[in-house]
Amino acid sequence: MNQPQPKGGRKPPLVGLNASTTQVRALREYAARQGHEIVREFVDEAVSGRTASRPAFREMIALARTSHPPFEAILVWKLNRFARGRVDSITYKTLLRNKGIKVISINEPLYVALIPVFLGLGL
């Protein structure tokens, strides 16, 4: 599949999708519109986002912890779909940020994603 070239000649970010099966299509469409190359999909079928013990989520985090993670960003339907518990959310978003990996919500404006930073949570 040919991906559009981003402005400035930069290479499209490599992204992983973290989603339930019902959200995958929208995430794929968003990635295509933004020129992102999807390198991996982490889909937990019928597993609640309330726990970090989801198999695909754990695999995604394990890959993010490697010396050369295969993706630069994680696309999510909404930030609360990534991790619903505050401690899990802070823990994993901090880990990803420290590895240079962004968590991008396709349904929430940027200012919503920045609220924790304004609150001093530094996600």
PDB file of N, CA and C in Angstrom:
ATOM      1  N   MET A   1       0.842  -1.178   0.000  1.00  0.00           N
ATOM      2  CA  MET A   1       0.000   0.000   0.000  1.00  0.00           C
ATOM      3  C   MET A   1       0.881   1.233   0.000  1.00  0.00           C
ATOM      4  N   ASN A   2       0.637   2.136  -0.921  1.00  0.00           N
ATOM      5  CA  ASN A   2       1.398   3.375  -0.982  1.00  0.00           C
ATOM      6  C   ASN A   2       0.875   4.355   0.042  1.00  0.00           C
ATOM      7  N   GLN A   3       1.784   4.897   0.830  1.00  0.00           N
ATOM      8  CA  GLN A   3       1.426   5.868   1.849  1.00  0.00           C
ATOM      9  C   GLN A   3       1.794   7.254   1.351  1.00  0.00           C
ATOM     10  N   PRO A   4       0.966   8.270   1.619  1.00  0.00           N
ATOM     11  CA  PRO A   4       1.337   9.633   1.232  1.00  0.00           C
ATOM     12  C   PRO A   4       2.577  10.075   1.996  1.00  0.00           C
ATOM     13  N   GLN A   5       3.408  10.876   1.337  1.00  0.00           N
ATOM     14  CA  GLN A   5       4.602  11.382   1.994  1.00  0.00           C
ATOM     15  C   GLN A   5       4.243  12.601   2.828  1.00  0.00           C
ATOM     16  N   PRO A   6       4.629  12.610   4.096  1.00  0.00           N
ATOM     17  CA  PRO A   6       4.379  13.782   4.928  1.00  0.00           C
ATOM     18  C   PRO A   6       5.150  14.986   4.413  1.00  0.00           C
ATOM     19  N   LYS A   7       4.692  16.166   4.780  1.00  0.00           N
ATOM     20  CA  LYS A   7       5.371  17.397   4.386  1.00  0.00           C
ATOM     21  C   LYS A   7       6.772  17.414   4.973  1.00  0.00           C
ATOM     22  N   GLY A   8       7.685  18.023   4.265  1.00  0.00           N
ATOM     23  CA  GLY A   8       9.048  18.144   4.747  1.00  0.00           C
ATOM     24  C   GLY A   8       9.890  16.912   4.428  1.00  0.00           C
ATOM     25  N   GLY A   9       9.339  15.940   3.682  1.00  0.00           N
ATOM     26  CA  GLY A   9      10.090  14.763   3.289  1.00  0.00           C
ATOM     27  C   GLY A   9      10.395  13.792   4.411  1.00  0.00           C
ATOM     28  N   ARG A  10       9.769  13.987   5.577  1.00  0.00           N
ATOM     29  CA  ARG A  10      10.015  13.073   6.682  1.00  0.00           C
ATOM     30  C   ARG A  10       9.351  11.731   6.416  1.00  0.00           C
ATOM     31  N   LYS A  11       9.939  10.709   6.948  1.00  0.00           N
ATOM     32  CA  LYS A  11       9.393   9.364   6.843  1.00  0.00           C
ATOM     33  C   LYS A  11       8.134   9.269   7.717  1.00  0.00           C
ATOM     34  N   PRO A  12       7.080   8.583   7.231  1.00  0.00           N
ATOM     35  CA  PRO A  12       5.877   8.455   8.054  1.00  0.00           C
ATOM     36  C   PRO A  12       6.182   7.707   9.348  1.00  0.00           C
ATOM     37  N   PRO A  13       5.568   8.133  10.444  1.00  0.00           N
ATOM     38  CA  PRO A  13       5.791   7.413  11.694  1.00  0.00           C
ATOM     39  C   PRO A  13       5.282   5.979  11.601  1.00  0.00           C
ATOM     40  N   LEU A  14       5.998   5.087  12.220  1.00  0.00           N
ATOM     41  CA  LEU A  14       5.549   3.704  12.325  1.00  0.00           C
ATOM     42  C   LEU A  14       4.669   3.619  13.555  1.00  0.00           C
ATOM     43  N   VAL A  15       3.485   3.070  13.398  1.00  0.00           N
ATOM     44  CA  VAL A  15       2.556   3.054  14.519  1.00  0.00           C
ATOM     45  C   VAL A  15       2.044   1.654  14.807  1.00  0.00           C
ATOM     46  N   GLY A  16       1.671   1.479  16.049  1.00  0.00           N
ATOM     47  CA  GLY A  16       0.957   0.291  16.469  1.00  0.00           C
ATOM     48  C   GLY A  16      -0.453   0.712  16.826  1.00  0.00           C
ATOM     49  N   LEU A  17      -1.391  -0.174  16.668  1.00  0.00           N
ATOM     50  CA  LEU A  17      -2.767   0.100  17.051  1.00  0.00           C
ATOM     51  C   LEU A  17      -3.072  -0.666  18.317  1.00  0.00           C
ATOM     52  N   ASN A  18      -3.655  -0.005  19.284  1.00  0.00           N
ATOM     53  CA  ASN A  18      -4.120  -0.659  20.507  1.00  0.00           C
ATOM     54  C   ASN A  18      -5.628  -0.480  20.524  1.00  0.00           C
ATOM     55  N   ALA A  19      -6.364  -1.586  20.306  1.00  0.00           N
ATOM     56  CA  ALA A  19      -7.799  -1.432  20.115  1.00  0.00           C
ATOM     57  C   ALA A  19      -8.560  -2.713  20.381  1.00  0.00           C
ATOM     58  N   SER A  20      -9.871  -2.543  20.446  1.00  0.00           N
ATOM     59  CA  SER A  20     -10.764  -3.693  20.402  1.00  0.00           C
ATOM     60  C   SER A  20     -11.096  -3.914  18.930  1.00  0.00           C
ATOM     61  N   THR A  21     -11.687  -5.035  18.614  1.00  0.00           N
ATOM     62  CA  THR A  21     -11.986  -5.352  17.213  1.00  0.00           C
ATOM     63  C   THR A  21     -12.917  -4.326  16.574  1.00  0.00           C
ATOM     64  N   THR A  22     -13.806  -3.720  17.353  1.00  0.00           N
ATOM     65  CA  THR A  22     -14.751  -2.751  16.786  1.00  0.00           C
ATOM     66  C   THR A  22     -14.094  -1.419  16.445  1.00  0.00           C
ATOM     67  N   GLN A  23     -12.917  -1.153  16.949  1.00  0.00           N
ATOM     68  CA  GLN A  23     -12.248   0.130  16.735  1.00  0.00           C
ATOM     69  C   GLN A  23     -11.175   0.074  15.647  1.00  0.00           C
ATOM     70  N   VAL A  24     -10.791  -1.111  15.230  1.00  0.00           N
ATOM     71  CA  VAL A  24      -9.652  -1.264  14.321  1.00  0.00           C
ATOM     72  C   VAL A  24      -9.859  -0.524  13.001  1.00  0.00           C
ATOM     73  N   ARG A  25     -11.034  -0.633  12.407  1.00  0.00           N
ATOM     74  CA  ARG A  25     -11.267   0.006  11.106  1.00  0.00           C
ATOM     75  C   ARG A  25     -11.052   1.513  11.182  1.00  0.00           C
ATOM     76  N   ALA A  26     -11.617   2.150  12.193  1.00  0.00           N
ATOM     77  CA  ALA A  26     -11.452   3.596  12.341  1.00  0.00           C
ATOM     78  C   ALA A  26      -9.988   3.968  12.546  1.00  0.00           C
ATOM     79  N   LEU A  27      -9.262   3.173  13.305  1.00  0.00           N
ATOM     80  CA  LEU A  27      -7.843   3.441  13.532  1.00  0.00           C
ATOM     81  C   LEU A  27      -7.042   3.280  12.241  1.00  0.00           C
ATOM     82  N   ARG A  28      -7.364   2.273  11.458  1.00  0.00           N
ATOM     83  CA  ARG A  28      -6.683   2.073  10.163  1.00  0.00           C
ATOM     84  C   ARG A  28      -6.946   3.247   9.230  1.00  0.00           C
ATOM     85  N   GLU A  29      -8.194   3.702   9.186  1.00  0.00           N
ATOM     86  CA  GLU A  29      -8.546   4.828   8.316  1.00  0.00           C
ATOM     87  C   GLU A  29      -7.819   6.097   8.753  1.00  0.00           C
ATOM     88  N   TYR A  30      -7.761   6.338  10.042  1.00  0.00           N
ATOM     89  CA  TYR A  30      -7.048   7.499  10.568  1.00  0.00           C
ATOM     90  C   TYR A  30      -5.569   7.415  10.183  1.00  0.00           C
ATOM     91  N   ALA A  31      -4.961   6.257  10.387  1.00  0.00           N
ATOM     92  CA  ALA A  31      -3.544   6.083  10.058  1.00  0.00           C
ATOM     93  C   ALA A  31      -3.294   6.362   8.578  1.00  0.00           C
ATOM     94  N   ALA A  32      -4.175   5.871   7.724  1.00  0.00           N
ATOM     95  CA  ALA A  32      -4.016   6.094   6.287  1.00  0.00           C
ATOM     96  C   ALA A  32      -4.120   7.588   5.949  1.00  0.00           C
ATOM     97  N   ARG A  33      -5.088   8.279   6.539  1.00  0.00           N
ATOM     98  CA  ARG A  33      -5.261   9.718   6.279  1.00  0.00           C
ATOM     99  C   ARG A  33      -4.050  10.523   6.744  1.00  0.00           C
ATOM    100  N   GLN A  34      -3.424  10.073   7.839  1.00  0.00           N
ATOM    101  CA  GLN A  34      -2.286  10.801   8.401  1.00  0.00           C
ATOM    102  C   GLN A  34      -0.947  10.389   7.798  1.00  0.00           C
ATOM    103  N   GLY A  35      -0.958   9.366   6.949  1.00  0.00           N
ATOM    104  CA  GLY A  35       0.277   8.898   6.330  1.00  0.00           C
ATOM    105  C   GLY A  35       1.124   8.028   7.234  1.00  0.00           C
ATOM    106  N   HIS A  36       0.510   7.445   8.255  1.00  0.00           N
ATOM    107  CA  HIS A  36       1.234   6.553   9.162  1.00  0.00           C
ATOM    108  C   HIS A  36       1.306   5.157   8.574  1.00  0.00           C
ATOM    109  N   GLU A  37       2.398   4.489   8.769  1.00  0.00           N
ATOM    110  CA  GLU A  37       2.535   3.093   8.379  1.00  0.00           C
ATOM    111  C   GLU A  37       2.258   2.228   9.612  1.00  0.00           C
ATOM    112  N   ILE A  38       1.250   1.396   9.520  1.00  0.00           N
ATOM    113  CA  ILE A  38       0.926   0.502  10.636  1.00  0.00           C
ATOM    114  C   ILE A  38       1.856  -0.698  10.564  1.00  0.00           C
ATOM    115  N   VAL A  39       2.634  -0.880  11.610  1.00  0.00           N
ATOM    116  CA  VAL A  39       3.571  -2.000  11.636  1.00  0.00           C
ATOM    117  C   VAL A  39       3.069  -3.150  12.493  1.00  0.00           C
ATOM    118  N   ARG A  40       2.102  -2.868  13.341  1.00  0.00           N
ATOM    119  CA  ARG A  40       1.591  -3.919  14.223  1.00  0.00           C
ATOM    120  C   ARG A  40       0.241  -3.507  14.783  1.00  0.00           C
ATOM    121  N   GLU A  41      -0.650  -4.456  14.917  1.00  0.00           N
ATOM    122  CA  GLU A  41      -1.949  -4.211  15.538  1.00  0.00           C
ATOM    123  C   GLU A  41      -2.036  -5.052  16.804  1.00  0.00           C
ATOM    124  N   PHE A  42      -2.348  -4.400  17.897  1.00  0.00           N
ATOM    125  CA  PHE A  42      -2.486  -5.063  19.189  1.00  0.00           C
ATOM    126  C   PHE A  42      -3.966  -5.020  19.555  1.00  0.00           C
ATOM    127  N   VAL A  43      -4.654  -6.097  19.265  1.00  0.00           N
ATOM    128  CA  VAL A  43      -6.102  -6.134  19.413  1.00  0.00           C
ATOM    129  C   VAL A  43      -6.474  -7.160  20.473  1.00  0.00           C
ATOM    130  N   ASP A  44      -7.140  -6.682  21.503  1.00  0.00           N
ATOM    131  CA  ASP A  44      -7.654  -7.566  22.544  1.00  0.00           C
ATOM    132  C   ASP A  44      -9.158  -7.709  22.336  1.00  0.00           C
ATOM    133  N   GLU A  45      -9.565  -8.881  21.912  1.00  0.00           N
ATOM    134  CA  GLU A  45     -10.980  -9.128  21.659  1.00  0.00           C
ATOM    135  C   GLU A  45     -11.702  -9.446  22.957  1.00  0.00           C
ATOM    136  N   ALA A  46     -12.780  -8.719  23.196  1.00  0.00           N
ATOM    137  CA  ALA A  46     -13.659  -8.959  24.349  1.00  0.00           C
ATOM    138  C   ALA A  46     -12.918  -8.976  25.684  1.00  0.00           C
ATOM    139  N   VAL A  47     -11.911  -8.106  25.812  1.00  0.00           N
ATOM    140  CA  VAL A  47     -11.176  -7.993  27.071  1.00  0.00           C
ATOM    141  C   VAL A  47     -11.292  -6.545  27.527  1.00  0.00           C
ATOM    142  N   SER A  48     -11.666  -6.339  28.761  1.00  0.00           N
ATOM    143  CA  SER A  48     -11.863  -4.995  29.292  1.00  0.00           C
ATOM    144  C   SER A  48     -10.561  -4.209  29.353  1.00  0.00           C
ATOM    145  N   GLY A  49     -10.655  -2.912  29.035  1.00  0.00           N
ATOM    146  CA  GLY A  49      -9.512  -2.018  29.152  1.00  0.00           C
ATOM    147  C   GLY A  49      -9.226  -1.638  30.590  1.00  0.00           C
ATOM    148  N   ARG A  50     -10.002  -2.171  31.510  1.00  0.00           N
ATOM    149  CA  ARG A  50      -9.810  -1.832  32.922  1.00  0.00           C
ATOM    150  C   ARG A  50      -8.600  -2.517  33.534  1.00  0.00           C
ATOM    151  N   THR A  51      -8.024  -3.438  32.806  1.00  0.00           N
ATOM    152  CA  THR A  51      -6.871  -4.161  33.327  1.00  0.00           C
ATOM    153  C   THR A  51      -5.720  -4.099  32.337  1.00  0.00           C
ATOM    154  N   ALA A  52      -4.516  -4.048  32.851  1.00  0.00           N
ATOM    155  CA  ALA A  52      -3.326  -4.048  31.997  1.00  0.00           C
ATOM    156  C   ALA A  52      -2.884  -5.469  31.672  1.00  0.00           C
ATOM    157  N   SER A  53      -3.622  -6.453  32.141  1.00  0.00           N
ATOM    158  CA  SER A  53      -3.222  -7.839  31.888  1.00  0.00           C
ATOM    159  C   SER A  53      -3.806  -8.382  30.581  1.00  0.00           C
ATOM    160  N   ARG A  54      -4.232  -7.497  29.692  1.00  0.00           N
ATOM    161  CA  ARG A  54      -4.712  -7.900  28.367  1.00  0.00           C
ATOM    162  C   ARG A  54      -3.522  -8.434  27.568  1.00  0.00           C
ATOM    163  N   PRO A  55      -3.653  -9.603  26.945  1.00  0.00           N
ATOM    164  CA  PRO A  55      -2.512 -10.217  26.242  1.00  0.00           C
ATOM    165  C   PRO A  55      -1.876  -9.326  25.171  1.00  0.00           C
ATOM    166  N   ALA A  56      -2.673  -8.728  24.297  1.00  0.00           N
ATOM    167  CA  ALA A  56      -2.100  -7.891  23.239  1.00  0.00           C
ATOM    168  C   ALA A  56      -1.471  -6.629  23.824  1.00  0.00           C
ATOM    169  N   PHE A  57      -2.097  -6.060  24.835  1.00  0.00           N
ATOM    170  CA  PHE A  57      -1.547  -4.872  25.502  1.00  0.00           C
ATOM    171  C   PHE A  57      -0.189  -5.204  26.112  1.00  0.00           C
ATOM    172  N   ARG A  58      -0.101  -6.324  26.790  1.00  0.00           N
ATOM    173  CA  ARG A  58       1.174  -6.732  27.410  1.00  0.00           C
ATOM    174  C   ARG A  58       2.251  -6.956  26.362  1.00  0.00           C
ATOM    175  N   GLU A  59       1.879  -7.537  25.215  1.00  0.00           N
ATOM    176  CA  GLU A  59       2.840  -7.734  24.123  1.00  0.00           C
ATOM    177  C   GLU A  59       3.324  -6.386  23.592  1.00  0.00           C
ATOM    178  N   MET A  60       2.401  -5.429  23.440  1.00  0.00           N
ATOM    179  CA  MET A  60       2.753  -4.091  22.966  1.00  0.00           C
ATOM    180  C   MET A  60       3.756  -3.432  23.915  1.00  0.00           C
ATOM    181  N   ILE A  61       3.493  -3.511  25.211  1.00  0.00           N
ATOM    182  CA  ILE A  61       4.384  -2.915  26.204  1.00  0.00           C
ATOM    183  C   ILE A  61       5.744  -3.618  26.189  1.00  0.00           C
ATOM    184  N   ALA A  62       5.743  -4.927  26.056  1.00  0.00           N
ATOM    185  CA  ALA A  62       7.011  -5.672  25.997  1.00  0.00           C
ATOM    186  C   ALA A  62       7.851  -5.219  24.802  1.00  0.00           C
ATOM    187  N   LEU A  63       7.225  -5.045  23.649  1.00  0.00           N
ATOM    188  CA  LEU A  63       7.952  -4.570  22.468  1.00  0.00           C
ATOM    189  C   LEU A  63       8.437  -3.134  22.658  1.00  0.00           C
ATOM    190  N   ALA A  64       7.647  -2.319  23.328  1.00  0.00           N
ATOM    191  CA  ALA A  64       8.055  -0.937  23.583  1.00  0.00           C
ATOM    192  C   ALA A  64       9.279  -0.879  24.485  1.00  0.00           C
ATOM    193  N   ARG A  65       9.432  -1.853  25.341  1.00  0.00           N
ATOM    194  CA  ARG A  65      10.561  -1.876  26.283  1.00  0.00           C
ATOM    195  C   ARG A  65      11.867  -2.332  25.635  1.00  0.00           C
ATOM    196  N   THR A  66      11.815  -2.862  24.420  1.00  0.00           N
ATOM    197  CA  THR A  66      13.027  -3.361  23.771  1.00  0.00           C
ATOM    198  C   THR A  66      13.944  -2.199  23.403  1.00  0.00           C
ATOM    199  N   SER A  67      15.190  -2.525  23.059  1.00  0.00           N
ATOM    200  CA  SER A  67      16.153  -1.468  22.733  1.00  0.00           C
ATOM    201  C   SER A  67      15.787  -0.741  21.438  1.00  0.00           C
ATOM    202  N   HIS A  68      15.068  -1.401  20.536  1.00  0.00           N
ATOM    203  CA  HIS A  68      14.633  -0.771  19.286  1.00  0.00           C
ATOM    204  C   HIS A  68      13.163  -1.095  19.052  1.00  0.00           C
ATOM    205  N   PRO A  69      12.263  -0.351  19.714  1.00  0.00           N
ATOM    206  CA  PRO A  69      10.840  -0.622  19.521  1.00  0.00           C
ATOM    207  C   PRO A  69      10.456  -0.503  18.045  1.00  0.00           C
ATOM    208  N   PRO A  70       9.549  -1.355  17.565  1.00  0.00           N
ATOM    209  CA  PRO A  70       9.189  -1.351  16.146  1.00  0.00           C
ATOM    210  C   PRO A  70       8.213  -0.244  15.755  1.00  0.00           C
ATOM    211  N   PHE A  71       7.823   0.617  16.686  1.00  0.00           N
ATOM    212  CA  PHE A  71       6.874   1.679  16.386  1.00  0.00           C
ATOM    213  C   PHE A  71       7.254   2.946  17.137  1.00  0.00           C
ATOM    214  N   GLU A  72       6.781   4.080  16.612  1.00  0.00           N
ATOM    215  CA  GLU A  72       7.072   5.392  17.183  1.00  0.00           C
ATOM    216  C   GLU A  72       5.857   5.986  17.880  1.00  0.00           C
ATOM    217  N   ALA A  73       4.713   5.376  17.662  1.00  0.00           N
ATOM    218  CA  ALA A  73       3.476   5.885  18.255  1.00  0.00           C
ATOM    219  C   ALA A  73       2.485   4.737  18.386  1.00  0.00           C
ATOM    220  N   ILE A  74       1.555   4.909  19.299  1.00  0.00           N
ATOM    221  CA  ILE A  74       0.448   3.975  19.483  1.00  0.00           C
ATOM    222  C   ILE A  74      -0.828   4.763  19.228  1.00  0.00           C
ATOM    223  N   LEU A  75      -1.631   4.294  18.291  1.00  0.00           N
ATOM    224  CA  LEU A  75      -2.927   4.919  18.042  1.00  0.00           C
ATOM    225  C   LEU A  75      -3.975   4.227  18.900  1.00  0.00           C
ATOM    226  N   VAL A  76      -4.809   5.029  19.543  1.00  0.00           N
ATOM    227  CA  VAL A  76      -5.895   4.494  20.364  1.00  0.00           C
ATOM    228  C   VAL A  76      -7.199   5.186  19.993  1.00  0.00           C
ATOM    229  N   TRP A  77      -8.307   4.514  20.215  1.00  0.00           N
ATOM    230  CA  TRP A  77      -9.627   5.072  19.960  1.00  0.00           C
ATOM    231  C   TRP A  77      -9.855   6.285  20.867  1.00  0.00           C
ATOM    232  N   LYS A  78      -9.657   6.094  22.153  1.00  0.00           N
ATOM    233  CA  LYS A  78      -9.718   7.147  23.158  1.00  0.00           C
ATOM    234  C   LYS A  78      -8.666   6.819  24.213  1.00  0.00           C
ATOM    235  N   LEU A  79      -8.202   7.825  24.913  1.00  0.00           N
ATOM    236  CA  LEU A  79      -7.166   7.597  25.914  1.00  0.00           C
ATOM    237  C   LEU A  79      -7.626   6.642  27.012  1.00  0.00           C
ATOM    238  N   ASN A  80      -8.905   6.680  27.352  1.00  0.00           N
ATOM    239  CA  ASN A  80      -9.365   5.771  28.401  1.00  0.00           C
ATOM    240  C   ASN A  80      -9.473   4.332  27.905  1.00  0.00           C
ATOM    241  N   ARG A  81      -9.337   4.117  26.615  1.00  0.00           N
ATOM    242  CA  ARG A  81      -9.308   2.758  26.074  1.00  0.00           C
ATOM    243  C   ARG A  81      -7.901   2.179  26.155  1.00  0.00           C
ATOM    244  N   PHE A  82      -6.922   3.045  26.281  1.00  0.00           N
ATOM    245  CA  PHE A  82      -5.539   2.590  26.433  1.00  0.00           C
ATOM    246  C   PHE A  82      -5.367   1.944  27.803  1.00  0.00           C
ATOM    247  N   ALA A  83      -5.731   2.674  28.834  1.00  0.00           N
ATOM    248  CA  ALA A  83      -5.685   2.166  30.208  1.00  0.00           C
ATOM    249  C   ALA A  83      -6.662   2.987  31.015  1.00  0.00           C
ATOM    250  N   ARG A  84      -7.612   2.340  31.642  1.00  0.00           N
ATOM    251  CA  ARG A  84      -8.646   3.079  32.365  1.00  0.00           C
ATOM    252  C   ARG A  84      -8.247   3.423  33.787  1.00  0.00           C
ATOM    253  N   GLY A  85      -7.406   2.605  34.382  1.00  0.00           N
ATOM    254  CA  GLY A  85      -6.953   2.886  35.742  1.00  0.00           C
ATOM    255  C   GLY A  85      -5.899   3.974  35.730  1.00  0.00           C
ATOM    256  N   ARG A  86      -5.995   4.918  36.653  1.00  0.00           N
ATOM    257  CA  ARG A  86      -5.071   6.051  36.696  1.00  0.00           C
ATOM    258  C   ARG A  86      -3.620   5.599  36.848  1.00  0.00           C
ATOM    259  N   VAL A  87      -3.369   4.662  37.748  1.00  0.00           N
ATOM    260  CA  VAL A  87      -2.000   4.197  37.974  1.00  0.00           C
ATOM    261  C   VAL A  87      -1.443   3.516  36.726  1.00  0.00           C
ATOM    262  N   ASP A  88      -2.231   2.626  36.121  1.00  0.00           N
ATOM    263  CA  ASP A  88      -1.787   1.966  34.885  1.00  0.00           C
ATOM    264  C   ASP A  88      -1.536   2.989  33.782  1.00  0.00           C
ATOM    265  N   SER A  89      -2.444   3.939  33.645  1.00  0.00           N
ATOM    266  CA  SER A  89      -2.311   4.955  32.610  1.00  0.00           C
ATOM    267  C   SER A  89      -1.014   5.744  32.785  1.00  0.00           C
ATOM    268  N   ILE A  90      -0.759   6.212  33.984  1.00  0.00           N
ATOM    269  CA  ILE A  90       0.461   6.982  34.260  1.00  0.00           C
ATOM    270  C   ILE A  90       1.699   6.123  34.043  1.00  0.00           C
ATOM    271  N   THR A  91       1.667   4.910  34.561  1.00  0.00           N
ATOM    272  CA  THR A  91       2.820   4.009  34.451  1.00  0.00           C
ATOM    273  C   THR A  91       3.192   3.735  32.999  1.00  0.00           C
ATOM    274  N   TYR A  92       2.200   3.322  32.203  1.00  0.00           N
ATOM    275  CA  TYR A  92       2.507   2.915  30.828  1.00  0.00           C
ATOM    276  C   TYR A  92       2.747   4.095  29.904  1.00  0.00           C
ATOM    277  N   LYS A  93       2.043   5.187  30.088  1.00  0.00           N
ATOM    278  CA  LYS A  93       2.303   6.356  29.248  1.00  0.00           C
ATOM    279  C   LYS A  93       3.684   6.941  29.558  1.00  0.00           C
ATOM    280  N   THR A  94       4.094   6.890  30.811  1.00  0.00           N
ATOM    281  CA  THR A  94       5.428   7.354  31.173  1.00  0.00           C
ATOM    282  C   THR A  94       6.491   6.452  30.556  1.00  0.00           C
ATOM    283  N   LEU A  95       6.295   5.159  30.640  1.00  0.00           N
ATOM    284  CA  LEU A  95       7.235   4.212  30.033  1.00  0.00           C
ATOM    285  C   LEU A  95       7.363   4.495  28.537  1.00  0.00           C
ATOM    286  N   LEU A  96       6.231   4.656  27.859  1.00  0.00           N
ATOM    287  CA  LEU A  96       6.258   4.912  26.420  1.00  0.00           C
ATOM    288  C   LEU A  96       6.921   6.248  26.110  1.00  0.00           C
ATOM    289  N   ARG A  97       6.586   7.267  26.872  1.00  0.00           N
ATOM    290  CA  ARG A  97       7.191   8.583  26.648  1.00  0.00           C
ATOM    291  C   ARG A  97       8.708   8.498  26.804  1.00  0.00           C
ATOM    292  N   ASN A  98       9.174   7.780  27.815  1.00  0.00           N
ATOM    293  CA  ASN A  98      10.614   7.633  28.040  1.00  0.00           C
ATOM    294  C   ASN A  98      11.309   6.880  26.912  1.00  0.00           C
ATOM    295  N   LYS A  99      10.555   6.093  26.164  1.00  0.00           N
ATOM    296  CA  LYS A  99      11.102   5.388  25.001  1.00  0.00           C
ATOM    297  C   LYS A  99      10.895   6.177  23.714  1.00  0.00           C
ATOM    298  N   GLY A 100      10.309   7.387  23.825  1.00  0.00           N
ATOM    299  CA  GLY A 100      10.069   8.218  22.653  1.00  0.00           C
ATOM    300  C   GLY A 100       8.842   7.819  21.856  1.00  0.00           C
ATOM    301  N   ILE A 101       7.929   7.081  22.473  1.00  0.00           N
ATOM    302  CA  ILE A 101       6.728   6.594  21.795  1.00  0.00           C
ATOM    303  C   ILE A 101       5.530   7.431  22.238  1.00  0.00           C
ATOM    304  N   LYS A 102       4.807   7.970  21.270  1.00  0.00           N
ATOM    305  CA  LYS A 102       3.628   8.791  21.559  1.00  0.00           C
ATOM    306  C   LYS A 102       2.387   7.910  21.638  1.00  0.00           C
ATOM    307  N   VAL A 103       1.438   8.317  22.472  1.00  0.00           N
ATOM    308  CA  VAL A 103       0.113   7.708  22.500  1.00  0.00           C
ATOM    309  C   VAL A 103      -0.827   8.739  21.902  1.00  0.00           C
ATOM    310  N   ILE A 104      -1.458   8.379  20.780  1.00  0.00           N
ATOM    311  CA  ILE A 104      -2.295   9.317  20.039  1.00  0.00           C
ATOM    312  C   ILE A 104      -3.738   8.837  20.043  1.00  0.00           C
ATOM    313  N   SER A 105      -4.621   9.654  20.584  1.00  0.00           N
ATOM    314  CA  SER A 105      -6.053   9.368  20.565  1.00  0.00           C
ATOM    315  C   SER A 105      -6.633   9.941  19.281  1.00  0.00           C
ATOM    316  N   ILE A 106      -7.390   9.125  18.534  1.00  0.00           N
ATOM    317  CA  ILE A 106      -7.954   9.631  17.281  1.00  0.00           C
ATOM    318  C   ILE A 106      -9.283  10.359  17.494  1.00  0.00           C
ATOM    319  N   ASN A 107      -9.849  10.300  18.684  1.00  0.00           N
ATOM    320  CA  ASN A 107     -11.158  10.904  18.930  1.00  0.00           C
ATOM    321  C   ASN A 107     -11.158  11.993  19.986  1.00  0.00           C
ATOM    322  N   GLU A 108      -9.991  12.407  20.420  1.00  0.00           N
ATOM    323  CA  GLU A 108      -9.920  13.451  21.430  1.00  0.00           C
ATOM    324  C   GLU A 108      -8.978  14.539  20.949  1.00  0.00           C
ATOM    325  N   PRO A 109      -9.389  15.774  21.102  1.00  0.00           N
ATOM    326  CA  PRO A 109      -8.517  16.861  20.676  1.00  0.00           C
ATOM    327  C   PRO A 109      -7.231  16.886  21.493  1.00  0.00           C
ATOM    328  N   LEU A 110      -6.224  17.500  20.937  1.00  0.00           N
ATOM    329  CA  LEU A 110      -4.915  17.574  21.578  1.00  0.00           C
ATOM    330  C   LEU A 110      -5.000  18.127  22.990  1.00  0.00           C
ATOM    331  N   TYR A 111      -5.815  19.148  23.208  1.00  0.00           N
ATOM    332  CA  TYR A 111      -5.854  19.754  24.543  1.00  0.00           C
ATOM    333  C   TYR A 111      -6.297  18.757  25.605  1.00  0.00           C
ATOM    334  N   VAL A 112      -7.131  17.777  25.264  1.00  0.00           N
ATOM    335  CA  VAL A 112      -7.534  16.759  26.232  1.00  0.00           C
ATOM    336  C   VAL A 112      -6.328  15.908  26.605  1.00  0.00           C
ATOM    337  N   ALA A 113      -5.501  15.588  25.620  1.00  0.00           N
ATOM    338  CA  ALA A 113      -4.313  14.781  25.885  1.00  0.00           C
ATOM    339  C   ALA A 113      -3.314  15.535  26.750  1.00  0.00           C
ATOM    340  N   LEU A 114      -3.360  16.861  26.738  1.00  0.00           N
ATOM    341  CA  LEU A 114      -2.400  17.647  27.511  1.00  0.00           C
ATOM    342  C   LEU A 114      -2.854  17.951  28.929  1.00  0.00           C
ATOM    343  N   ILE A 115      -4.089  17.678  29.258  1.00  0.00           N
ATOM    344  CA  ILE A 115      -4.593  17.982  30.594  1.00  0.00           C
ATOM    345  C   ILE A 115      -3.704  17.388  31.699  1.00  0.00           C
ATOM    346  N   PRO A 116      -3.277  16.109  31.594  1.00  0.00           N
ATOM    347  CA  PRO A 116      -2.424  15.589  32.671  1.00  0.00           C
ATOM    348  C   PRO A 116      -1.129  16.378  32.840  1.00  0.00           C
ATOM    349  N   VAL A 117      -0.579  16.903  31.748  1.00  0.00           N
ATOM    350  CA  VAL A 117       0.649  17.701  31.842  1.00  0.00           C
ATOM    351  C   VAL A 117       0.356  18.972  32.621  1.00  0.00           C
ATOM    352  N   PHE A 118      -0.770  19.624  32.337  1.00  0.00           N
ATOM    353  CA  PHE A 118      -1.138  20.829  33.055  1.00  0.00           C
ATOM    354  C   PHE A 118      -1.389  20.553  34.524  1.00  0.00           C
ATOM    355  N   LEU A 119      -1.829  19.332  34.831  1.00  0.00           N
ATOM    356  CA  LEU A 119      -2.086  18.977  36.213  1.00  0.00           C
ATOM    357  C   LEU A 119      -0.826  18.509  36.934  1.00  0.00           C
ATOM    358  N   GLY A 120       0.292  18.497  36.227  1.00  0.00           N
ATOM    359  CA  GLY A 120       1.542  18.107  36.841  1.00  0.00           C
ATOM    360  C   GLY A 120       1.772  16.605  36.854  1.00  0.00           C
ATOM    361  N   LEU A 121       0.976  15.855  36.081  1.00  0.00           N
ATOM    362  CA  LEU A 121       1.144  14.409  36.054  1.00  0.00           C
ATOM    363  C   LEU A 121       2.218  14.001  35.051  1.00  0.00           C
ATOM    364  N   GLY A 122       2.563  14.884  34.130  1.00  0.00           N
ATOM    365  CA  GLY A 122       3.661  14.652  33.196  1.00  0.00           C
ATOM    366  C   GLY A 122       3.543  13.409  32.360  1.00  0.00           C
ATOM    367  N   LEU A 123       2.360  13.088  31.874  1.00  0.00           N
ATOM    368  CA  LEU A 123       2.199  11.908  31.043  1.00  0.00           C
ATOM    369  C   LEU A 123       2.794  12.169  29.699  1.00  0.00           C
TER     370      LEU A 123
END
